[in-house]
Amino acid sequence: MKFLLLLGLFLLIGYCWRSLRSAPARVAAPAAGAAPEPAPAPTMLRCLHCGVHLPPADAITGHAGVYCSEAHRAIRER
């Protein structure tokens, strides 16, 4: 009985020692199957007329700045 108790104790100590020794390596290196970090959100622009925020691809540029629609550009740049 003592033999089984000592064997179990040694196995438990070995398991704890191995898991603590390999823990910093798992934290430092990302997992191989981990998803890549998402790209940062695009910068949003603000319409000079109504104040709505929109992505640069949807913005309409005028003489005074950026607008969300052609109608707002026409109103502000008369």
N, C-alpha and C. Protein backbone atom coordinates (compact mmCIF):
# COMPACT_ATOMS: atom_id res chain seq x y z
N MET A 1 0.82 -1.20 0.00
CA MET A 1 0.00 0.00 0.00
C MET A 1 0.86 1.26 0.00
N LYS A 2 1.96 1.23 0.79
CA LYS A 2 2.87 2.37 0.82
C LYS A 2 3.46 2.63 -0.57
N PHE A 3 3.76 1.54 -1.26
CA PHE A 3 4.35 1.67 -2.59
C PHE A 3 3.41 2.41 -3.55
N LEU A 4 2.13 2.07 -3.55
CA LEU A 4 1.16 2.74 -4.42
C LEU A 4 0.99 4.21 -4.03
N LEU A 5 1.01 4.51 -2.75
CA LEU A 5 0.89 5.88 -2.28
C LEU A 5 2.10 6.72 -2.73
N LEU A 6 3.30 6.16 -2.57
CA LEU A 6 4.51 6.87 -3.00
C LEU A 6 4.54 7.04 -4.52
N LEU A 7 4.13 6.02 -5.25
CA LEU A 7 4.08 6.10 -6.71
C LEU A 7 3.11 7.20 -7.15
N GLY A 8 1.94 7.25 -6.54
CA GLY A 8 0.97 8.29 -6.86
C GLY A 8 1.50 9.69 -6.53
N LEU A 9 2.20 9.81 -5.40
CA LEU A 9 2.78 11.09 -5.00
C LEU A 9 3.84 11.54 -6.00
N PHE A 10 4.72 10.62 -6.42
CA PHE A 10 5.74 10.96 -7.40
C PHE A 10 5.13 11.34 -8.75
N LEU A 11 4.11 10.64 -9.15
CA LEU A 11 3.45 10.98 -10.41
C LEU A 11 2.79 12.36 -10.33
N LEU A 12 2.17 12.67 -9.22
CA LEU A 12 1.55 13.98 -9.03
C LEU A 12 2.59 15.09 -9.03
N ILE A 13 3.69 14.89 -8.36
CA ILE A 13 4.77 15.89 -8.34
C ILE A 13 5.35 16.07 -9.74
N GLY A 14 5.55 14.99 -10.45
CA GLY A 14 6.08 15.07 -11.82
C GLY A 14 5.13 15.81 -12.76
N TYR A 15 3.85 15.53 -12.62
CA TYR A 15 2.85 16.21 -13.45
C TYR A 15 2.83 17.71 -13.17
N CYS A 16 2.84 18.08 -11.89
CA CYS A 16 2.84 19.50 -11.52
C CYS A 16 4.11 20.19 -12.01
N TRP A 17 5.24 19.52 -11.86
CA TRP A 17 6.52 20.12 -12.27
C TRP A 17 6.55 20.34 -13.78
N ARG A 18 6.07 19.39 -14.55
CA ARG A 18 6.06 19.54 -16.01
C ARG A 18 5.08 20.62 -16.46
N SER A 19 3.92 20.69 -15.83
CA SER A 19 2.94 21.68 -16.25
C SER A 19 3.40 23.10 -15.90
N LEU A 20 4.04 23.28 -14.75
CA LEU A 20 4.56 24.60 -14.39
C LEU A 20 5.74 25.01 -15.26
N ARG A 21 6.54 24.04 -15.65
CA ARG A 21 7.70 24.33 -16.48
C ARG A 21 7.31 24.73 -17.91
N SER A 22 6.24 24.17 -18.42
CA SER A 22 5.84 24.47 -19.80
C SER A 22 4.80 25.59 -19.88
N ALA A 23 4.29 26.10 -18.77
CA ALA A 23 3.28 27.15 -18.78
C ALA A 23 3.78 28.45 -19.41
N PRO A 24 4.97 28.96 -19.09
CA PRO A 24 5.42 30.21 -19.73
C PRO A 24 5.57 30.07 -21.24
N ALA A 25 5.95 28.93 -21.72
CA ALA A 25 6.10 28.73 -23.17
C ALA A 25 4.74 28.78 -23.86
N ARG A 26 3.69 28.26 -23.21
CA ARG A 26 2.36 28.31 -23.82
C ARG A 26 1.80 29.72 -23.83
N VAL A 27 2.13 30.51 -22.83
CA VAL A 27 1.62 31.87 -22.76
C VAL A 27 2.33 32.76 -23.77
N ALA A 28 3.64 32.58 -23.94
CA ALA A 28 4.43 33.45 -24.81
C ALA A 28 4.15 33.18 -26.29
N ALA A 29 4.02 31.94 -26.68
CA ALA A 29 3.81 31.60 -28.09
C ALA A 29 2.33 31.36 -28.35
N PRO A 30 1.76 32.01 -29.39
CA PRO A 30 0.35 31.75 -29.71
C PRO A 30 0.18 30.34 -30.27
N ALA A 31 -0.99 29.80 -30.08
CA ALA A 31 -1.28 28.46 -30.58
C ALA A 31 -1.28 28.46 -32.10
N ALA A 32 -0.93 27.32 -32.67
CA ALA A 32 -0.85 27.20 -34.13
C ALA A 32 -2.21 27.41 -34.78
N GLY A 33 -3.28 26.99 -34.14
CA GLY A 33 -4.61 27.11 -34.71
C GLY A 33 -5.34 28.37 -34.28
N ALA A 34 -4.62 29.29 -33.63
CA ALA A 34 -5.26 30.51 -33.13
C ALA A 34 -5.63 31.43 -34.30
N ALA A 35 -6.74 32.12 -34.14
CA ALA A 35 -7.19 33.04 -35.18
C ALA A 35 -6.30 34.29 -35.18
N PRO A 36 -6.01 34.86 -36.35
CA PRO A 36 -5.19 36.06 -36.40
C PRO A 36 -5.93 37.24 -35.78
N GLU A 37 -5.17 38.23 -35.33
CA GLU A 37 -5.79 39.40 -34.73
C GLU A 37 -6.58 40.16 -35.80
N PRO A 38 -7.76 40.67 -35.44
CA PRO A 38 -8.56 41.40 -36.42
C PRO A 38 -7.89 42.72 -36.81
N ALA A 39 -8.16 43.15 -38.03
CA ALA A 39 -7.62 44.41 -38.50
C ALA A 39 -8.26 45.57 -37.74
N PRO A 40 -7.54 46.66 -37.56
CA PRO A 40 -8.14 47.78 -36.85
C PRO A 40 -9.30 48.38 -37.64
N ALA A 41 -10.24 48.94 -36.92
CA ALA A 41 -11.41 49.54 -37.55
C ALA A 41 -10.99 50.75 -38.39
N PRO A 42 -11.63 50.95 -39.54
CA PRO A 42 -11.25 52.10 -40.37
C PRO A 42 -11.62 53.42 -39.68
N THR A 43 -10.89 54.45 -40.02
CA THR A 43 -11.16 55.77 -39.47
C THR A 43 -12.48 56.27 -40.03
N MET A 44 -13.31 56.78 -39.17
CA MET A 44 -14.62 57.28 -39.59
C MET A 44 -14.53 58.79 -39.79
N LEU A 45 -15.24 59.29 -40.79
CA LEU A 45 -15.29 60.72 -41.09
C LEU A 45 -16.65 61.27 -40.70
N ARG A 46 -16.71 62.55 -40.39
CA ARG A 46 -17.96 63.17 -39.94
C ARG A 46 -18.46 64.14 -41.01
N CYS A 47 -19.74 64.01 -41.34
CA CYS A 47 -20.37 64.90 -42.32
C CYS A 47 -20.44 66.30 -41.72
N LEU A 48 -20.05 67.31 -42.49
CA LEU A 48 -20.08 68.69 -42.00
C LEU A 48 -21.49 69.24 -41.84
N HIS A 49 -22.45 68.67 -42.54
CA HIS A 49 -23.81 69.19 -42.47
C HIS A 49 -24.62 68.56 -41.33
N CYS A 50 -24.70 67.24 -41.28
CA CYS A 50 -25.56 66.58 -40.29
C CYS A 50 -24.80 65.93 -39.14
N GLY A 51 -23.50 65.74 -39.28
CA GLY A 51 -22.69 65.17 -38.21
C GLY A 51 -22.63 63.66 -38.17
N VAL A 52 -23.25 62.97 -39.14
CA VAL A 52 -23.22 61.52 -39.16
C VAL A 52 -21.79 61.05 -39.48
N HIS A 53 -21.39 59.92 -38.87
CA HIS A 53 -20.07 59.36 -39.13
C HIS A 53 -20.19 58.29 -40.20
N LEU A 54 -19.24 58.27 -41.13
CA LEU A 54 -19.26 57.32 -42.23
C LEU A 54 -17.85 56.93 -42.61
N PRO A 55 -17.67 55.76 -43.23
CA PRO A 55 -16.34 55.33 -43.65
C PRO A 55 -15.84 56.18 -44.82
N PRO A 56 -14.54 56.31 -44.97
CA PRO A 56 -13.97 57.13 -46.05
C PRO A 56 -14.43 56.71 -47.45
N ALA A 57 -14.73 55.42 -47.65
CA ALA A 57 -15.15 54.95 -48.97
C ALA A 57 -16.51 55.53 -49.36
N ASP A 58 -17.37 55.85 -48.38
CA ASP A 58 -18.71 56.36 -48.67
C ASP A 58 -18.78 57.89 -48.62
N ALA A 59 -17.71 58.54 -48.25
CA ALA A 59 -17.71 60.00 -48.08
C ALA A 59 -17.63 60.71 -49.43
N ILE A 60 -18.27 61.87 -49.48
CA ILE A 60 -18.22 62.74 -50.66
C ILE A 60 -17.44 63.98 -50.25
N THR A 61 -16.37 64.25 -50.96
CA THR A 61 -15.50 65.37 -50.61
C THR A 61 -15.95 66.64 -51.33
N GLY A 62 -16.01 67.72 -50.58
CA GLY A 62 -16.35 69.02 -51.13
C GLY A 62 -15.23 70.01 -50.87
N HIS A 63 -15.46 71.29 -51.17
CA HIS A 63 -14.44 72.31 -50.96
C HIS A 63 -14.18 72.54 -49.47
N ALA A 64 -15.22 72.48 -48.66
CA ALA A 64 -15.09 72.78 -47.24
C ALA A 64 -14.76 71.54 -46.41
N GLY A 65 -15.03 70.34 -46.90
CA GLY A 65 -14.77 69.14 -46.12
C GLY A 65 -15.45 67.91 -46.68
N VAL A 66 -15.93 67.05 -45.78
CA VAL A 66 -16.50 65.76 -46.15
C VAL A 66 -17.99 65.75 -45.84
N TYR A 67 -18.78 65.12 -46.73
CA TYR A 67 -20.24 65.05 -46.58
C TYR A 67 -20.70 63.61 -46.77
N CYS A 68 -21.91 63.32 -46.24
CA CYS A 68 -22.46 61.96 -46.36
C CYS A 68 -23.25 61.77 -47.65
N SER A 69 -23.71 62.86 -48.28
CA SER A 69 -24.47 62.73 -49.51
C SER A 69 -24.23 63.95 -50.39
N GLU A 70 -24.60 63.80 -51.64
CA GLU A 70 -24.44 64.90 -52.59
C GLU A 70 -25.37 66.06 -52.22
N ALA A 71 -26.54 65.76 -51.67
CA ALA A 71 -27.48 66.80 -51.27
C ALA A 71 -26.90 67.68 -50.15
N HIS A 72 -26.25 67.06 -49.19
CA HIS A 72 -25.66 67.85 -48.10
C HIS A 72 -24.48 68.68 -48.60
N ARG A 73 -23.72 68.15 -49.55
CA ARG A 73 -22.63 68.94 -50.12
C ARG A 73 -23.19 70.15 -50.85
N ALA A 74 -24.28 69.96 -51.59
CA ALA A 74 -24.88 71.06 -52.35
C ALA A 74 -25.45 72.15 -51.43
N ILE A 75 -26.05 71.73 -50.31
CA ILE A 75 -26.63 72.70 -49.36
C ILE A 75 -25.53 73.54 -48.73
N ARG A 76 -24.44 72.92 -48.30
CA ARG A 76 -23.39 73.64 -47.56
C ARG A 76 -22.48 74.47 -48.47
N GLU A 77 -22.36 74.09 -49.74
CA GLU A 77 -21.41 74.78 -50.61
C GLU A 77 -22.10 75.68 -51.62
N ARG A 78 -23.24 76.24 -51.28
CA ARG A 78 -23.90 77.19 -52.18
C ARG A 78 -23.22 78.51 -52.11
